Amino acid sequence: MGEGNQTFVLEFTLLGLSQDPKIQILLFCVFLIIYLLSVFGNLLIIILIQTDPRLHTPMYFFLKNLSFVDLFLYRHRSPSVGPLPCEKENCFRCWVLTTDSRLPPSSVHRPLHYSTLMTQRVCVQLATVCWISGAFVRSVDSAFTLCLPCQGQNISNHYFCEPPELLKLASADTYSAEVALFSMGVIVLLAPVSLILASYWHIISTVIRMQSGEGRLKVFSTCSSHLTVVALYYGSGIFAYMRPNSKTMNERDKVISLFYSVMTSMLNPIIYSLRNKDVKGALSKLAGR
């Protein structure tokens, strides 16, 4: 009990995506399919890249790391959770999402110069930086979120412990935490997506000068699918983390968070790997065994 007969929150209640039992059954079926596709697709990518020597290249090294990260996004959680376990989940999940956001820029950085720049040592160093920076950024976010007191309000209209949603439950001024979240968003979201867009701009400008119309069409098709995933992931992440915080609990917010926390982990192996001729060849070789 705090001063003034105000009770400090000992447990948060996560409302989830819906309270309607019928809709919950439908959502369970939908997300079960997404979960199975994500786990199967990412495990398959890891196995193929690990077992086929032809896929031991810088691009597939980062894609293997990306698949490994995506596997960690699915964890069981209770609708009711204490502040400390909630913060632990927040720290873990956001660390995974931050690392997830850092790996694609590493894999497309100056893609036309892979053979001279991306040695095995450089790949390992870049991947290590991604994992460590993810831990650092999320430690900052969690530190600012954890220090805020929560009194009275303990119901979160969300399906996981996300920093912007936890700020809505705080009973103190959240300006410093909002500034920290925005600053980390610049590092985690704006900087990587800027690097990705710059890299694809170099690719597209080079492709435009190609003589073969069929070659241009193929490259544009690949780039458009990649950029669709980039737009879903970074666009929804920027919307969630880099706009003024509101105390109003909006249904739209948790729906948008599905794109960067659930959907992209299913789309990544399909868009980045399973459509590639090399991966299809490795899959046929594995099936032949």
Protein backbone atom coordinates (compact mmCIF):
# COMPACT_ATOMS: atom_id res chain seq x y z
CA MET A 1 0.00 0.00 0.00
CA GLY A 2 1.33 3.43 -0.87
CA GLU A 3 0.64 6.83 0.64
CA GLY A 4 -2.87 8.17 0.33
CA ASN A 5 -4.42 4.67 0.35
CA GLN A 6 -3.29 4.09 -3.23
CA THR A 7 -2.53 0.47 -4.08
CA PHE A 8 0.51 -0.33 -6.14
CA VAL A 9 -0.23 -2.75 -8.98
CA LEU A 10 0.84 -6.31 -8.19
CA GLU A 11 -0.54 -7.84 -11.38
CA PHE A 12 -1.32 -6.70 -14.92
CA THR A 13 -4.27 -8.12 -16.86
CA LEU A 14 -3.79 -8.45 -20.61
CA LEU A 15 -7.12 -8.34 -22.45
CA GLY A 16 -5.81 -9.99 -25.60
CA LEU A 17 -7.23 -9.41 -29.06
CA SER A 18 -10.86 -10.17 -28.22
CA GLN A 19 -13.12 -11.05 -25.30
CA ASP A 20 -15.72 -12.74 -27.49
CA PRO A 21 -15.47 -16.57 -27.07
CA LYS A 22 -16.45 -17.23 -30.70
CA ILE A 23 -13.89 -14.77 -32.03
CA GLN A 24 -11.30 -16.24 -29.66
CA ILE A 25 -11.83 -19.68 -31.23
CA LEU A 26 -11.41 -18.19 -34.72
CA LEU A 27 -8.29 -16.31 -33.64
CA PHE A 28 -6.88 -19.47 -32.07
CA CYS A 29 -7.26 -21.34 -35.36
CA VAL A 30 -5.75 -18.49 -37.40
CA PHE A 31 -2.78 -17.99 -35.11
CA LEU A 32 -2.20 -21.73 -34.79
CA ILE A 33 -1.76 -21.87 -38.57
CA ILE A 34 0.52 -18.81 -38.51
CA TYR A 35 2.52 -20.33 -35.65
CA LEU A 36 2.98 -23.69 -37.41
CA LEU A 37 3.96 -22.01 -40.69
CA SER A 38 6.42 -19.73 -38.92
CA VAL A 39 8.06 -22.47 -36.87
CA PHE A 40 8.21 -24.92 -39.78
CA GLY A 41 9.45 -22.32 -42.27
CA ASN A 42 12.16 -20.89 -40.03
CA LEU A 43 13.35 -24.31 -38.85
CA LEU A 44 13.49 -25.48 -42.45
CA ILE A 45 15.59 -22.46 -43.46
CA ILE A 46 18.03 -23.05 -40.59
CA ILE A 47 18.40 -26.75 -41.47
CA LEU A 48 18.85 -26.09 -45.21
CA ILE A 49 21.44 -23.36 -44.73
CA GLN A 50 23.30 -25.39 -42.13
CA THR A 51 23.44 -28.61 -44.18
CA ASP A 52 23.98 -27.34 -47.75
CA PRO A 53 27.50 -25.96 -48.45
CA ARG A 54 26.17 -23.95 -51.40
CA LEU A 55 24.22 -21.79 -48.95
CA HIS A 56 27.24 -20.94 -46.81
CA THR A 57 27.29 -17.38 -48.10
CA PRO A 58 26.97 -14.01 -46.30
CA MET A 59 23.35 -13.48 -47.33
CA TYR A 60 22.21 -16.88 -46.06
CA PHE A 61 24.28 -16.49 -42.91
CA PHE A 62 22.17 -13.46 -41.97
CA LEU A 63 18.97 -15.15 -43.08
CA LYS A 64 19.78 -18.07 -40.77
CA ASN A 65 20.22 -15.62 -37.91
CA LEU A 66 16.93 -13.96 -38.86
CA SER A 67 15.10 -17.30 -38.81
CA PHE A 68 16.69 -18.15 -35.47
CA VAL A 69 15.50 -14.84 -34.02
CA ASP A 70 11.97 -15.28 -35.39
CA LEU A 71 11.64 -18.62 -33.59
CA PHE A 72 11.94 -16.81 -30.25
CA LEU A 73 8.93 -14.56 -30.88
CA TYR A 74 6.43 -17.24 -29.91
CA ARG A 75 6.20 -17.81 -26.19
CA HIS A 76 3.29 -18.78 -23.97
CA ARG A 77 1.98 -16.06 -21.70
CA SER A 78 -0.76 -15.91 -19.06
CA PRO A 79 -3.52 -13.26 -19.30
CA SER A 80 -2.46 -12.12 -15.80
CA VAL A 81 1.16 -11.35 -15.07
CA GLY A 82 3.07 -9.49 -12.37
CA PRO A 83 5.02 -6.29 -13.12
CA LEU A 84 8.44 -7.96 -12.88
CA PRO A 85 7.56 -11.00 -15.09
CA CYS A 86 5.82 -8.59 -17.45
CA GLU A 87 8.96 -6.48 -17.63
CA LYS A 88 11.09 -9.59 -18.18
CA GLU A 89 8.85 -10.62 -21.07
CA ASN A 90 8.93 -7.07 -22.39
CA CYS A 91 12.73 -7.02 -22.23
CA PHE A 92 13.09 -10.44 -23.87
CA ARG A 93 10.51 -9.93 -26.60
CA CYS A 94 11.65 -6.42 -27.46
CA TRP A 95 15.28 -7.58 -27.52
CA VAL A 96 14.29 -10.21 -30.08
CA LEU A 97 12.33 -7.66 -32.12
CA THR A 98 15.22 -5.20 -31.98
CA THR A 99 17.70 -7.82 -33.14
CA ASP A 100 15.19 -8.78 -35.82
CA SER A 101 15.16 -5.19 -37.05
CA ARG A 102 18.96 -4.98 -37.23
CA LEU A 103 19.66 -8.15 -39.23
CA PRO A 104 18.03 -7.25 -42.59
CA PRO A 105 20.11 -4.05 -43.01
CA SER A 106 23.26 -6.08 -42.33
CA SER A 107 22.34 -8.57 -45.05
CA VAL A 108 21.61 -5.93 -47.72
CA HIS A 109 24.40 -3.46 -46.92
CA ARG A 110 26.16 -2.75 -50.24
CA PRO A 111 24.83 -6.00 -51.79
CA LEU A 112 26.66 -5.48 -55.05
CA HIS A 113 30.04 -5.74 -53.25
CA TYR A 114 29.46 -8.91 -51.24
CA SER A 115 32.37 -10.81 -52.70
CA THR A 116 34.94 -8.24 -51.56
CA LEU A 117 33.43 -6.89 -48.34
CA MET A 118 31.47 -9.65 -46.61
CA THR A 119 34.05 -12.08 -45.32
CA GLN A 120 33.13 -14.68 -42.71
CA ARG A 121 34.73 -12.58 -39.99
CA VAL A 122 32.82 -9.46 -41.00
CA CYS A 123 29.55 -11.42 -41.05
CA VAL A 124 30.11 -12.73 -37.53
CA GLN A 125 31.05 -9.26 -36.29
CA LEU A 126 27.94 -7.68 -37.81
CA ALA A 127 25.66 -10.37 -36.39
CA THR A 128 27.25 -9.95 -32.96
CA VAL A 129 26.70 -6.20 -33.12
CA CYS A 130 23.03 -6.82 -33.98
CA TRP A 131 22.50 -9.08 -30.97
CA ILE A 132 24.41 -6.83 -28.56
CA SER A 133 22.78 -3.61 -29.78
CA GLY A 134 19.39 -5.27 -29.44
CA ALA A 135 20.14 -6.09 -25.82
CA PHE A 136 21.42 -2.56 -25.13
CA VAL A 137 18.48 -0.75 -26.72
CA ARG A 138 15.93 -2.89 -24.92
CA SER A 139 17.76 -2.51 -21.62
CA VAL A 140 17.35 1.26 -21.96
CA ASP A 141 13.64 0.94 -22.81
CA SER A 142 13.03 -1.48 -19.94
CA ALA A 143 14.94 0.66 -17.43
CA PHE A 144 12.77 3.70 -18.16
CA THR A 145 9.56 1.64 -18.17
CA LEU A 146 10.35 -0.31 -15.01
CA CYS A 147 11.09 2.79 -12.92
CA LEU A 148 7.59 4.20 -13.44
CA PRO A 149 5.08 3.52 -10.63
CA CYS A 150 1.72 1.96 -11.47
CA GLN A 151 -1.15 2.64 -9.09
CA GLY A 152 -4.78 1.71 -9.58
CA GLN A 153 -5.01 0.92 -13.30
CA ASN A 154 -3.77 -2.59 -14.12
CA ILE A 155 -5.72 -3.58 -17.25
CA SER A 156 -3.79 -3.44 -20.52
CA ASN A 157 -5.75 -3.63 -23.77
CA HIS A 158 -3.01 -5.63 -25.44
CA TYR A 159 -1.82 -9.20 -25.87
CA PHE A 160 1.77 -8.77 -24.64
CA CYS A 161 3.75 -6.43 -22.42
CA GLU A 162 4.76 -3.69 -24.85
CA PRO A 163 6.51 -0.50 -23.59
CA PRO A 164 4.10 2.04 -25.18
CA GLU A 165 1.16 0.19 -23.63
CA LEU A 166 2.81 -0.05 -20.21
CA LEU A 167 3.33 3.73 -20.24
CA LYS A 168 -0.45 4.15 -20.41
CA LEU A 169 -0.75 2.41 -17.03
CA ALA A 170 1.86 4.58 -15.32
CA SER A 171 0.70 6.88 -12.54
CA ALA A 172 3.62 9.31 -12.95
CA ASP A 173 4.94 11.62 -15.65
CA THR A 174 6.11 9.54 -18.63
CA TYR A 175 7.88 12.27 -20.62
CA SER A 176 11.40 10.93 -19.99
CA ALA A 177 10.33 7.38 -20.88
CA GLU A 178 8.65 8.61 -24.06
CA VAL A 179 11.81 10.48 -25.09
CA ALA A 180 13.88 7.33 -24.41
CA LEU A 181 11.50 5.18 -26.49
CA PHE A 182 11.58 7.69 -29.35
CA SER A 183 15.37 7.92 -29.26
CA MET A 184 15.75 4.16 -29.29
CA GLY A 185 13.22 4.05 -32.14
CA VAL A 186 15.51 6.25 -34.20
CA ILE A 187 18.35 3.77 -33.64
CA VAL A 188 16.29 0.60 -34.05
CA LEU A 189 13.82 1.63 -36.75
CA LEU A 190 14.69 4.79 -38.69
CA ALA A 191 18.41 4.09 -39.08
CA PRO A 192 18.01 0.47 -40.33
CA VAL A 193 15.11 1.25 -42.67
CA SER A 194 17.07 4.18 -44.14
CA LEU A 195 20.00 1.85 -44.82
CA ILE A 196 17.68 -0.73 -46.39
CA LEU A 197 16.02 1.81 -48.66
CA ALA A 198 19.40 3.24 -49.70
CA SER A 199 20.68 -0.26 -50.53
CA TYR A 200 17.62 -1.10 -52.62
CA TRP A 201 17.89 2.26 -54.35
CA HIS A 202 21.39 1.30 -55.51
CA ILE A 203 20.05 -2.07 -56.68
CA ILE A 204 17.13 -0.56 -58.57
CA SER A 205 19.25 2.17 -60.19
CA THR A 206 21.66 -0.53 -61.40
CA VAL A 207 18.82 -2.75 -62.67
CA ILE A 208 17.28 0.11 -64.64
CA ARG A 209 20.46 0.20 -66.75
CA MET A 210 20.16 -3.52 -67.58
CA GLN A 211 19.50 -4.38 -71.22
CA SER A 212 17.40 -7.46 -70.52
CA GLY A 213 13.73 -6.66 -69.91
CA GLU A 214 13.17 -10.11 -68.40
CA GLY A 215 16.05 -9.59 -65.98
CA ARG A 216 14.67 -6.24 -64.87
CA LEU A 217 11.23 -7.74 -64.30
CA LYS A 218 12.67 -10.56 -62.20
CA VAL A 219 14.72 -8.21 -60.01
CA PHE A 220 11.83 -5.78 -59.57
CA SER A 221 9.56 -8.66 -58.56
CA THR A 222 12.07 -9.78 -55.92
CA CYS A 223 12.68 -6.26 -54.62
CA SER A 224 8.96 -5.46 -54.41
CA SER A 225 8.28 -8.54 -52.25
CA HIS A 226 11.22 -7.71 -50.00
CA LEU A 227 10.16 -4.08 -49.64
CA THR A 228 6.60 -5.18 -48.79
CA VAL A 229 7.91 -7.07 -45.75
CA VAL A 230 10.14 -4.10 -44.87
CA ALA A 231 7.16 -1.73 -45.06
CA LEU A 232 5.01 -4.00 -42.87
CA TYR A 233 7.68 -4.47 -40.23
CA TYR A 234 9.23 -1.03 -39.98
CA GLY A 235 6.07 0.91 -40.81
CA SER A 236 4.05 -0.72 -38.03
CA GLY A 237 7.00 -0.48 -35.63
CA ILE A 238 7.45 3.25 -36.29
CA PHE A 239 3.71 3.80 -35.79
CA ALA A 240 3.79 1.97 -32.45
CA TYR A 241 6.97 3.45 -30.97
CA MET A 242 7.56 6.83 -32.59
CA ARG A 243 4.36 8.77 -32.12
CA PRO A 244 3.10 10.79 -29.14
CA ASN A 245 1.90 8.56 -26.33
CA SER A 246 -1.78 8.58 -25.45
CA LYS A 247 -3.48 7.32 -22.30
CA THR A 248 -6.32 6.03 -24.46
CA MET A 249 -6.21 2.28 -25.07
CA ASN A 250 -6.89 1.88 -28.77
CA GLU A 251 -7.90 -1.38 -30.46
CA ARG A 252 -5.98 -0.27 -33.54
CA ASP A 253 -2.66 -0.26 -31.71
CA LYS A 254 -2.64 -3.97 -30.84
CA VAL A 255 -3.81 -4.91 -34.35
CA ILE A 256 -0.96 -2.94 -35.92
CA SER A 257 1.55 -4.58 -33.57
CA LEU A 258 0.59 -7.94 -35.07
CA PHE A 259 2.46 -7.00 -38.25
CA TYR A 260 5.90 -6.64 -36.64
CA SER A 261 5.46 -9.18 -33.85
CA VAL A 262 3.65 -12.03 -35.64
CA MET A 263 3.13 -11.68 -39.39
CA THR A 264 6.68 -10.89 -40.49
CA SER A 265 8.09 -13.96 -38.71
CA MET A 266 5.87 -16.06 -41.00
CA LEU A 267 6.61 -14.01 -44.14
CA ASN A 268 10.40 -13.76 -43.70
CA PRO A 269 11.27 -17.36 -44.68
CA ILE A 270 8.79 -17.30 -47.56
CA ILE A 271 9.88 -13.96 -49.03
CA TYR A 272 13.62 -13.99 -48.33
CA SER A 273 14.49 -17.67 -48.69
CA LEU A 274 11.97 -20.20 -49.97
CA ARG A 275 11.48 -18.31 -53.25
CA ASN A 276 15.22 -18.46 -54.07
CA LYS A 277 16.47 -20.95 -56.62
CA ASP A 278 19.40 -21.97 -54.40
CA VAL A 279 17.11 -22.75 -51.47
CA LYS A 280 14.73 -24.69 -53.72
CA GLY A 281 17.70 -26.72 -54.93
CA ALA A 282 18.81 -27.39 -51.36
CA LEU A 283 15.26 -28.42 -50.46
CA SER A 284 15.09 -30.85 -53.39
CA LYS A 285 18.46 -32.28 -52.37
CA LEU A 286 17.29 -32.71 -48.76
CA ALA A 287 14.04 -34.34 -49.91
CA GLY A 288 16.04 -36.71 -52.12
CA ARG A 289 17.97 -37.91 -49.10
